[in-house]
Amino acid sequence: MTFSNGEINLIDPDTIEQLGELITRIEQAPDLTAVVFRSANPDFFMAHWDMLADRSRVAAMKPAPSGLHPFADNLYRLGKVPAVTISEINGRARGAGSEFVLATDIRFAGPKAILGQFEVGIGSVPGGNPTGRLPRLLGRGRALEILLGADDFPADLAAAYGYVNRVVPRGELKQFVDDFACRIAGFDKVAVQETKALVDAVTQPPVEEFRTALTTFFRTSGRPENAHRVKRFFDSGLQRPDGAERDLGRQVAASS
């Protein structure tokens, strides 16, 4: 599955709806064993949530059968699909983009990949439950370093921390991921699915965490006391491929 949404691959309300439909297709595909997610943009896997998106449209979205808002439901369900999900991360995956790759089972990165959760730097709490996934994946201290420091994590450091599985040399990532996915797809579906289910039983966050995280995000984002931070971000080129998005971690600190 290849993502392509504008100049920097933002996540927006259309993405929420389309991703929900895609996850349903994965859930309902009995012969599907492995799914690869990649980006059409070599510099941006998924930049982050579109901060200019229609907030009223997002707020008006009907709850999913799980009771969750569709954004949180997508991330919860993606982590539990029976197929193995693999993120092929070239470029940047921050905020909601980071939350997406954390919901996938396995993350391989190119040498120029950058990950991060910058929300605290603009006065918000992350909404896609990285507060639940990162401590389980990396441990408490490193999770807090990522979440509270709101900085960029380049590929090598992300791999050292366990944020991604490994870094693959330049020019080799796509072939490596395809070979790995085909290897899994060639194995017995029942053995793959039930092994994943056993791992999920001891590692996946409960549904309540996703509800609480998104509720807290909605409560903390967009507060007037942080408007100056967001304005400085946009003034420095937020959501433009040649602006603040190039080194968002440094820009967060500069806007504090």
C-alpha atoms as a PDB file:
ATOM      1  CA  MET A   1       0.000   0.000   0.000  1.00  0.00           C
ATOM      2  CA  THR A   2       1.525   3.305  -1.118  1.00  0.00           C
ATOM      3  CA  PHE A   3       0.638   6.651   0.482  1.00  0.00           C
ATOM      4  CA  SER A   4       0.557   9.836  -1.571  1.00  0.00           C
ATOM      5  CA  ASN A   5      -1.159  12.944  -0.212  1.00  0.00           C
ATOM      6  CA  GLY A   6       0.169  16.322  -1.253  1.00  0.00           C
ATOM      7  CA  GLU A   7       3.715  17.625  -1.012  1.00  0.00           C
ATOM      8  CA  ILE A   8       4.564  16.073   2.363  1.00  0.00           C
ATOM      9  CA  ASN A   9       2.049  13.239   2.806  1.00  0.00           C
ATOM     10  CA  LEU A  10      -0.115  14.798   5.492  1.00  0.00           C
ATOM     11  CA  ILE A  11      -2.807  12.833   7.297  1.00  0.00           C
ATOM     12  CA  ASP A  12      -6.232  14.455   7.018  1.00  0.00           C
ATOM     13  CA  PRO A  13      -9.934  13.548   7.361  1.00  0.00           C
ATOM     14  CA  ASP A  14      -9.934  11.853   3.946  1.00  0.00           C
ATOM     15  CA  THR A  15      -6.996   9.735   5.095  1.00  0.00           C
ATOM     16  CA  ILE A  16      -8.947   8.634   8.173  1.00  0.00           C
ATOM     17  CA  GLU A  17     -11.874   7.461   6.051  1.00  0.00           C
ATOM     18  CA  GLN A  18      -9.773   5.775   3.376  1.00  0.00           C
ATOM     19  CA  LEU A  19      -7.537   4.070   5.927  1.00  0.00           C
ATOM     20  CA  GLY A  20     -10.576   2.733   7.743  1.00  0.00           C
ATOM     21  CA  GLU A  21     -11.811   1.150   4.519  1.00  0.00           C
ATOM     22  CA  LEU A  22      -8.365  -0.303   3.837  1.00  0.00           C
ATOM     23  CA  ILE A  23      -8.097  -1.855   7.305  1.00  0.00           C
ATOM     24  CA  THR A  24     -11.499  -3.463   6.811  1.00  0.00           C
ATOM     25  CA  ARG A  25     -10.255  -4.978   3.544  1.00  0.00           C
ATOM     26  CA  ILE A  26      -7.194  -6.365   5.337  1.00  0.00           C
ATOM     27  CA  GLU A  27      -9.341  -7.800   8.129  1.00  0.00           C
ATOM     28  CA  GLN A  28     -11.621  -9.494   5.602  1.00  0.00           C
ATOM     29  CA  ALA A  29      -8.924 -10.969   3.321  1.00  0.00           C
ATOM     30  CA  PRO A  30      -8.569 -14.596   4.460  1.00  0.00           C
ATOM     31  CA  ASP A  31      -5.553 -15.371   2.270  1.00  0.00           C
ATOM     32  CA  LEU A  32      -3.588 -12.201   3.026  1.00  0.00           C
ATOM     33  CA  THR A  33      -0.501 -12.856   5.145  1.00  0.00           C
ATOM     34  CA  ALA A  34       1.662  -9.717   4.823  1.00  0.00           C
ATOM     35  CA  VAL A  35       1.051  -6.056   3.968  1.00  0.00           C
ATOM     36  CA  VAL A  36       3.727  -3.454   3.203  1.00  0.00           C
ATOM     37  CA  PHE A  37       3.095   0.264   3.705  1.00  0.00           C
ATOM     38  CA  ARG A  38       5.349   2.667   1.820  1.00  0.00           C
ATOM     39  CA  SER A  39       5.290   6.249   0.572  1.00  0.00           C
ATOM     40  CA  ALA A  40       5.428   7.691  -2.917  1.00  0.00           C
ATOM     41  CA  ASN A  41       7.433  10.590  -1.469  1.00  0.00           C
ATOM     42  CA  PRO A  42      11.091   9.755  -0.671  1.00  0.00           C
ATOM     43  CA  ASP A  43      11.304  12.609   1.879  1.00  0.00           C
ATOM     44  CA  PHE A  44       8.056  12.056   3.784  1.00  0.00           C
ATOM     45  CA  PHE A  45       6.560   8.723   4.801  1.00  0.00           C
ATOM     46  CA  MET A  46       3.725  10.489   6.644  1.00  0.00           C
ATOM     47  CA  ALA A  47       4.626  13.989   7.806  1.00  0.00           C
ATOM     48  CA  HIS A  48       1.993  14.350  10.559  1.00  0.00           C
ATOM     49  CA  TRP A  49      -1.633  15.429  10.969  1.00  0.00           C
ATOM     50  CA  ASP A  50      -2.744  18.299   8.722  1.00  0.00           C
ATOM     51  CA  MET A  51      -2.960  21.162  11.199  1.00  0.00           C
ATOM     52  CA  LEU A  52      -5.120  23.133   8.765  1.00  0.00           C
ATOM     53  CA  ALA A  53      -7.700  20.349   8.441  1.00  0.00           C
ATOM     54  CA  ASP A  54     -11.379  21.023   9.132  1.00  0.00           C
ATOM     55  CA  ARG A  55     -11.655  20.422  12.892  1.00  0.00           C
ATOM     56  CA  SER A  56     -15.470  20.417  12.753  1.00  0.00           C
ATOM     57  CA  ARG A  57     -15.435  17.581  10.210  1.00  0.00           C
ATOM     58  CA  VAL A  58     -13.117  15.557  12.428  1.00  0.00           C
ATOM     59  CA  ALA A  59     -15.242  16.224  15.508  1.00  0.00           C
ATOM     60  CA  ALA A  60     -18.423  15.210  13.659  1.00  0.00           C
ATOM     61  CA  MET A  61     -17.136  11.777  12.594  1.00  0.00           C
ATOM     62  CA  LYS A  62     -19.365   9.010  13.933  1.00  0.00           C
ATOM     63  CA  PRO A  63     -17.833   6.554  16.393  1.00  0.00           C
ATOM     64  CA  ALA A  64     -16.664   3.218  14.985  1.00  0.00           C
ATOM     65  CA  PRO A  65     -18.203  -0.072  16.211  1.00  0.00           C
ATOM     66  CA  SER A  66     -15.453  -0.175  18.864  1.00  0.00           C
ATOM     67  CA  GLY A  67     -16.858   3.049  20.288  1.00  0.00           C
ATOM     68  CA  LEU A  68     -13.681   4.902  19.334  1.00  0.00           C
ATOM     69  CA  HIS A  69     -13.376   7.952  17.125  1.00  0.00           C
ATOM     70  CA  PRO A  70     -12.405   6.678  13.626  1.00  0.00           C
ATOM     71  CA  PHE A  71      -8.857   8.072  13.917  1.00  0.00           C
ATOM     72  CA  ALA A  72      -8.166   6.146  17.128  1.00  0.00           C
ATOM     73  CA  ASP A  73     -10.091   3.139  15.845  1.00  0.00           C
ATOM     74  CA  ASN A  74      -7.840   2.908  12.783  1.00  0.00           C
ATOM     75  CA  LEU A  75      -4.704   2.761  14.916  1.00  0.00           C
ATOM     76  CA  TYR A  76      -6.240   0.292  17.347  1.00  0.00           C
ATOM     77  CA  ARG A  77      -7.516  -2.015  14.602  1.00  0.00           C
ATOM     78  CA  LEU A  78      -4.351  -1.781  12.519  1.00  0.00           C
ATOM     79  CA  GLY A  79      -2.369  -3.165  15.427  1.00  0.00           C
ATOM     80  CA  LYS A  80      -4.659  -6.193  15.614  1.00  0.00           C
ATOM     81  CA  VAL A  81      -5.245  -7.220  11.983  1.00  0.00           C
ATOM     82  CA  PRO A  82      -4.446 -10.907  11.322  1.00  0.00           C
ATOM     83  CA  ALA A  83      -1.969 -10.080   8.540  1.00  0.00           C
ATOM     84  CA  VAL A  84       1.585  -8.991   9.354  1.00  0.00           C
ATOM     85  CA  THR A  85       1.987  -5.259   8.700  1.00  0.00           C
ATOM     86  CA  ILE A  86       5.355  -3.778   7.710  1.00  0.00           C
ATOM     87  CA  SER A  87       6.282  -0.088   7.446  1.00  0.00           C
ATOM     88  CA  GLU A  88       8.959   0.825   4.900  1.00  0.00           C
ATOM     89  CA  ILE A  89      10.061   4.207   6.210  1.00  0.00           C
ATOM     90  CA  ASN A  90      11.899   6.513   3.867  1.00  0.00           C
ATOM     91  CA  GLY A  91      11.872  10.115   4.993  1.00  0.00           C
ATOM     92  CA  ARG A  92       9.903  11.599   7.866  1.00  0.00           C
ATOM     93  CA  ALA A  93       7.221  10.056  10.091  1.00  0.00           C
ATOM     94  CA  ARG A  94       6.272  12.417  12.887  1.00  0.00           C
ATOM     95  CA  GLY A  95       3.215  12.907  15.065  1.00  0.00           C
ATOM     96  CA  ALA A  96       0.319  10.944  13.575  1.00  0.00           C
ATOM     97  CA  GLY A  97       2.774   9.487  11.038  1.00  0.00           C
ATOM     98  CA  SER A  98       4.855   8.086  13.875  1.00  0.00           C
ATOM     99  CA  GLU A  99       1.668   6.798  15.503  1.00  0.00           C
ATOM    100  CA  PHE A 100       0.788   5.000  12.300  1.00  0.00           C
ATOM    101  CA  VAL A 101       4.114   3.184  12.011  1.00  0.00           C
ATOM    102  CA  LEU A 102       3.952   2.286  15.709  1.00  0.00           C
ATOM    103  CA  ALA A 103       0.633   0.565  14.973  1.00  0.00           C
ATOM    104  CA  THR A 104       2.305  -1.669  12.387  1.00  0.00           C
ATOM    105  CA  ASP A 105       4.047  -4.859  13.440  1.00  0.00           C
ATOM    106  CA  ILE A 106       7.504  -4.313  11.956  1.00  0.00           C
ATOM    107  CA  ARG A 107       9.313  -1.102  10.968  1.00  0.00           C
ATOM    108  CA  PHE A 108      12.270  -0.979   8.583  1.00  0.00           C
ATOM    109  CA  ALA A 109      13.907   2.374   7.880  1.00  0.00           C
ATOM    110  CA  GLY A 110      16.140   3.871   5.249  1.00  0.00           C
ATOM    111  CA  PRO A 111      19.235   5.782   6.423  1.00  0.00           C
ATOM    112  CA  LYS A 112      17.520   9.164   5.986  1.00  0.00           C
ATOM    113  CA  ALA A 113      14.369   8.270   7.919  1.00  0.00           C
ATOM    114  CA  ILE A 114      13.364  10.573  10.785  1.00  0.00           C
ATOM    115  CA  LEU A 115      10.742   9.805  13.420  1.00  0.00           C
ATOM    116  CA  GLY A 116       9.350  11.817  16.297  1.00  0.00           C
ATOM    117  CA  GLN A 117       6.420  12.967  18.400  1.00  0.00           C
ATOM    118  CA  PHE A 118       6.516  16.769  18.440  1.00  0.00           C
ATOM    119  CA  GLU A 119       3.068  17.457  19.936  1.00  0.00           C
ATOM    120  CA  VAL A 120       4.218  18.475  23.426  1.00  0.00           C
ATOM    121  CA  GLY A 121       6.396  21.128  21.760  1.00  0.00           C
ATOM    122  CA  ILE A 122       3.277  22.919  20.528  1.00  0.00           C
ATOM    123  CA  GLY A 123       1.260  22.448  23.721  1.00  0.00           C
ATOM    124  CA  SER A 124      -0.673  19.277  22.867  1.00  0.00           C
ATOM    125  CA  VAL A 125      -0.767  15.705  24.091  1.00  0.00           C
ATOM    126  CA  PRO A 126      -0.251  13.096  21.326  1.00  0.00           C
ATOM    127  CA  GLY A 127      -3.619  11.658  20.300  1.00  0.00           C
ATOM    128  CA  GLY A 128      -2.809   8.323  18.638  1.00  0.00           C
ATOM    129  CA  ASN A 129      -1.630   6.570  21.829  1.00  0.00           C
ATOM    130  CA  PRO A 130       2.154   6.642  21.415  1.00  0.00           C
ATOM    131  CA  THR A 131       1.986   7.122  25.191  1.00  0.00           C
ATOM    132  CA  GLY A 132       0.798   3.509  25.315  1.00  0.00           C
ATOM    133  CA  ARG A 133       2.873   1.982  22.543  1.00  0.00           C
ATOM    134  CA  LEU A 134       6.285   3.564  23.129  1.00  0.00           C
ATOM    135  CA  PRO A 135       6.726   2.505  26.785  1.00  0.00           C
ATOM    136  CA  ARG A 136       5.838  -1.080  25.876  1.00  0.00           C
ATOM    137  CA  LEU A 137       8.266  -0.983  22.969  1.00  0.00           C
ATOM    138  CA  LEU A 138      11.215   1.013  24.332  1.00  0.00           C
ATOM    139  CA  GLY A 139      10.765   1.287  28.089  1.00  0.00           C
ATOM    140  CA  ARG A 140       9.588   4.214  30.177  1.00  0.00           C
ATOM    141  CA  GLY A 141      12.696   6.409  30.060  1.00  0.00           C
ATOM    142  CA  ARG A 142      13.172   6.339  26.310  1.00  0.00           C
ATOM    143  CA  ALA A 143       9.444   6.777  25.727  1.00  0.00           C
ATOM    144  CA  LEU A 144       9.466   9.923  27.857  1.00  0.00           C
ATOM    145  CA  GLU A 145      12.583  11.181  26.060  1.00  0.00           C
ATOM    146  CA  ILE A 146      10.763  10.901  22.743  1.00  0.00           C
ATOM    147  CA  LEU A 147       7.421  12.262  23.933  1.00  0.00           C
ATOM    148  CA  LEU A 148       8.569  15.092  26.201  1.00  0.00           C
ATOM    149  CA  GLY A 149      11.689  16.090  24.267  1.00  0.00           C
ATOM    150  CA  ALA A 150       9.572  16.485  21.100  1.00  0.00           C
ATOM    151  CA  ASP A 151      12.740  16.116  19.044  1.00  0.00           C
ATOM    152  CA  ASP A 152      13.646  14.350  15.794  1.00  0.00           C
ATOM    153  CA  PHE A 153      15.067  10.833  15.988  1.00  0.00           C
ATOM    154  CA  PRO A 154      17.234   9.972  12.978  1.00  0.00           C
ATOM    155  CA  ALA A 155      17.207   6.421  11.677  1.00  0.00           C
ATOM    156  CA  ASP A 156      20.322   5.129  13.454  1.00  0.00           C
ATOM    157  CA  LEU A 157      19.226   6.400  16.862  1.00  0.00           C
ATOM    158  CA  ALA A 158      15.658   5.178  16.274  1.00  0.00           C
ATOM    159  CA  ALA A 159      17.051   1.705  15.568  1.00  0.00           C
ATOM    160  CA  ALA A 160      19.322   1.792  18.631  1.00  0.00           C
ATOM    161  CA  TYR A 161      16.286   2.621  20.778  1.00  0.00           C
ATOM    162  CA  GLY A 162      14.007   0.031  19.135  1.00  0.00           C
ATOM    163  CA  TYR A 163      11.731   2.672  17.587  1.00  0.00           C
ATOM    164  CA  VAL A 164      12.402   0.842  14.280  1.00  0.00           C
ATOM    165  CA  ASN A 165      13.628  -2.725  13.771  1.00  0.00           C
ATOM    166  CA  ARG A 166      16.685  -1.847  11.705  1.00  0.00           C
ATOM    167  CA  VAL A 167      18.157   0.566   9.193  1.00  0.00           C
ATOM    168  CA  VAL A 168      18.692  -0.766   5.677  1.00  0.00           C
ATOM    169  CA  PRO A 169      21.454   0.747   3.479  1.00  0.00           C
ATOM    170  CA  ARG A 170      20.597   3.412   0.919  1.00  0.00           C
ATOM    171  CA  GLY A 171      18.979   2.028  -2.225  1.00  0.00           C
ATOM    172  CA  GLU A 172      18.282  -1.384  -0.685  1.00  0.00           C
ATOM    173  CA  LEU A 173      15.217  -0.727   1.464  1.00  0.00           C
ATOM    174  CA  LYS A 174      12.437  -1.487  -1.029  1.00  0.00           C
ATOM    175  CA  GLN A 175      13.967  -4.777  -2.163  1.00  0.00           C
ATOM    176  CA  PHE A 176      14.761  -5.799   1.412  1.00  0.00           C
ATOM    177  CA  VAL A 177      11.185  -5.137   2.560  1.00  0.00           C
ATOM    178  CA  ASP A 178       9.671  -6.897  -0.463  1.00  0.00           C
ATOM    179  CA  ASP A 179      11.872  -9.939   0.128  1.00  0.00           C
ATOM    180  CA  PHE A 180      10.981 -10.030   3.830  1.00  0.00           C
ATOM    181  CA  ALA A 181       7.238  -9.688   3.140  1.00  0.00           C
ATOM    182  CA  CYS A 182       7.366 -12.410   0.475  1.00  0.00           C
ATOM    183  CA  ARG A 183       9.244 -14.670   2.874  1.00  0.00           C
ATOM    184  CA  ILE A 184       6.475 -14.353   5.480  1.00  0.00           C
ATOM    185  CA  ALA A 185       3.772 -14.651   2.819  1.00  0.00           C
ATOM    186  CA  GLY A 186       5.254 -17.987   1.775  1.00  0.00           C
ATOM    187  CA  PHE A 187       4.766 -19.515   5.211  1.00  0.00           C
ATOM    188  CA  ASP A 188       1.644 -21.208   6.533  1.00  0.00           C
ATOM    189  CA  LYS A 189      -1.037 -18.571   7.185  1.00  0.00           C
ATOM    190  CA  VAL A 190      -2.346 -20.210  10.360  1.00  0.00           C
ATOM    191  CA  ALA A 191       1.128 -20.452  11.897  1.00  0.00           C
ATOM    192  CA  VAL A 192       1.881 -16.794  11.102  1.00  0.00           C
ATOM    193  CA  GLN A 193      -1.477 -15.504  12.304  1.00  0.00           C
ATOM    194  CA  GLU A 194      -1.549 -17.434  15.563  1.00  0.00           C
ATOM    195  CA  THR A 195       2.056 -16.582  16.410  1.00  0.00           C
ATOM    196  CA  LYS A 196       1.268 -12.907  15.911  1.00  0.00           C
ATOM    197  CA  ALA A 197      -1.871 -13.264  18.047  1.00  0.00           C
ATOM    198  CA  LEU A 198       0.154 -14.662  20.963  1.00  0.00           C
ATOM    199  CA  VAL A 199       2.601 -11.749  20.767  1.00  0.00           C
ATOM    200  CA  ASP A 200      -0.281  -9.271  20.495  1.00  0.00           C
ATOM    201  CA  ALA A 201      -1.887 -10.690  23.628  1.00  0.00           C
ATOM    202  CA  VAL A 202       1.038  -9.490  25.748  1.00  0.00           C
ATOM    203  CA  THR A 203       2.060  -6.329  23.870  1.00  0.00           C
ATOM    204  CA  GLN A 204      -0.995  -4.546  22.415  1.00  0.00           C
ATOM    205  CA  PRO A 205      -2.454  -1.656  24.444  1.00  0.00           C
ATOM    206  CA  PRO A 206      -6.117  -2.040  25.484  1.00  0.00           C
ATOM    207  CA  VAL A 207      -8.811  -0.154  23.638  1.00  0.00           C
ATOM    208  CA  GLU A 208      -9.424   2.203  26.583  1.00  0.00           C
ATOM    209  CA  GLU A 209      -5.963   3.742  26.160  1.00  0.00           C
ATOM    210  CA  PHE A 210      -6.793   4.872  22.636  1.00  0.00           C
ATOM    211  CA  ARG A 211      -9.988   6.543  23.784  1.00  0.00           C
ATOM    212  CA  THR A 212      -8.234   8.381  26.612  1.00  0.00           C
ATOM    213  CA  ALA A 213      -5.308   9.489  24.443  1.00  0.00           C
ATOM    214  CA  LEU A 214      -7.496  11.013  21.732  1.00  0.00           C
ATOM    215  CA  THR A 215      -9.831  12.653  24.244  1.00  0.00           C
ATOM    216  CA  THR A 216      -6.815  14.263  25.895  1.00  0.00           C
ATOM    217  CA  PHE A 217      -5.490  15.406  22.515  1.00  0.00           C
ATOM    218  CA  PHE A 218      -8.798  17.080  21.657  1.00  0.00           C
ATOM    219  CA  ARG A 219      -8.801  18.770  25.081  1.00  0.00           C
ATOM    220  CA  THR A 220      -5.229  20.068  24.870  1.00  0.00           C
ATOM    221  CA  SER A 221      -4.815  20.958  21.193  1.00  0.00           C
ATOM    222  CA  GLY A 222      -5.774  24.338  19.807  1.00  0.00           C
ATOM    223  CA  ARG A 223      -5.679  26.172  23.140  1.00  0.00           C
ATOM    224  CA  PRO A 224      -5.267  29.941  22.704  1.00  0.00           C
ATOM    225  CA  GLU A 225      -2.259  30.095  25.036  1.00  0.00           C
ATOM    226  CA  ASN A 226      -0.294  28.059  22.492  1.00  0.00           C
ATOM    227  CA  ALA A 227      -1.412  29.938  19.386  1.00  0.00           C
ATOM    228  CA  HIS A 228       1.890  31.848  19.258  1.00  0.00           C
ATOM    229  CA  ARG A 229       3.840  28.586  19.074  1.00  0.00           C
ATOM    230  CA  VAL A 230       1.760  27.304  16.172  1.00  0.00           C
ATOM    231  CA  LYS A 231       1.966  30.653  14.385  1.00  0.00           C
ATOM    232  CA  ARG A 232       5.769  30.676  14.629  1.00  0.00           C
ATOM    233  CA  PHE A 233       5.758  27.148  13.212  1.00  0.00           C
ATOM    234  CA  PHE A 234       3.746  28.157  10.182  1.00  0.00           C
ATOM    235  CA  ASP A 235       5.812  31.317   9.753  1.00  0.00           C
ATOM    236  CA  SER A 236       8.920  29.109   9.560  1.00  0.00           C
ATOM    237  CA  GLY A 237       7.410  26.884   6.875  1.00  0.00           C
ATOM    238  CA  LEU A 238       5.341  24.228   8.628  1.00  0.00           C
ATOM    239  CA  GLN A 239       3.595  21.922   6.143  1.00  0.00           C
ATOM    240  CA  ARG A 240       5.851  23.042   3.315  1.00  0.00           C
ATOM    241  CA  PRO A 241       8.495  20.651   1.984  1.00  0.00           C
ATOM    242  CA  ASP A 242      11.220  23.300   2.028  1.00  0.00           C
ATOM    243  CA  GLY A 243      10.455  24.831   5.431  1.00  0.00           C
ATOM    244  CA  ALA A 244      10.295  23.779   9.079  1.00  0.00           C
ATOM    245  CA  GLU A 245       9.460  20.213   8.096  1.00  0.00           C
ATOM    246  CA  ARG A 246      13.111  19.622   7.189  1.00  0.00           C
ATOM    247  CA  ASP A 247      14.259  19.854  10.829  1.00  0.00           C
ATOM    248  CA  LEU A 248      11.096  20.029  12.892  1.00  0.00           C
ATOM    249  CA  GLY A 249      12.792  18.966  16.121  1.00  0.00           C
ATOM    250  CA  ARG A 250      15.021  22.065  16.110  1.00  0.00           C
ATOM    251  CA  GLN A 251      12.124  24.276  15.046  1.00  0.00           C
ATOM    252  CA  VAL A 252      10.030  23.093  18.000  1.00  0.00           C
ATOM    253  CA  ALA A 253      12.689  24.258  20.425  1.00  0.00           C
ATOM    254  CA  ALA A 254      13.088  27.569  18.589  1.00  0.00           C
ATOM    255  CA  SER A 255       9.337  28.209  18.833  1.00  0.00           C
ATOM    256  CA  SER A 256       9.156  27.603  22.595  1.00  0.00           C
END
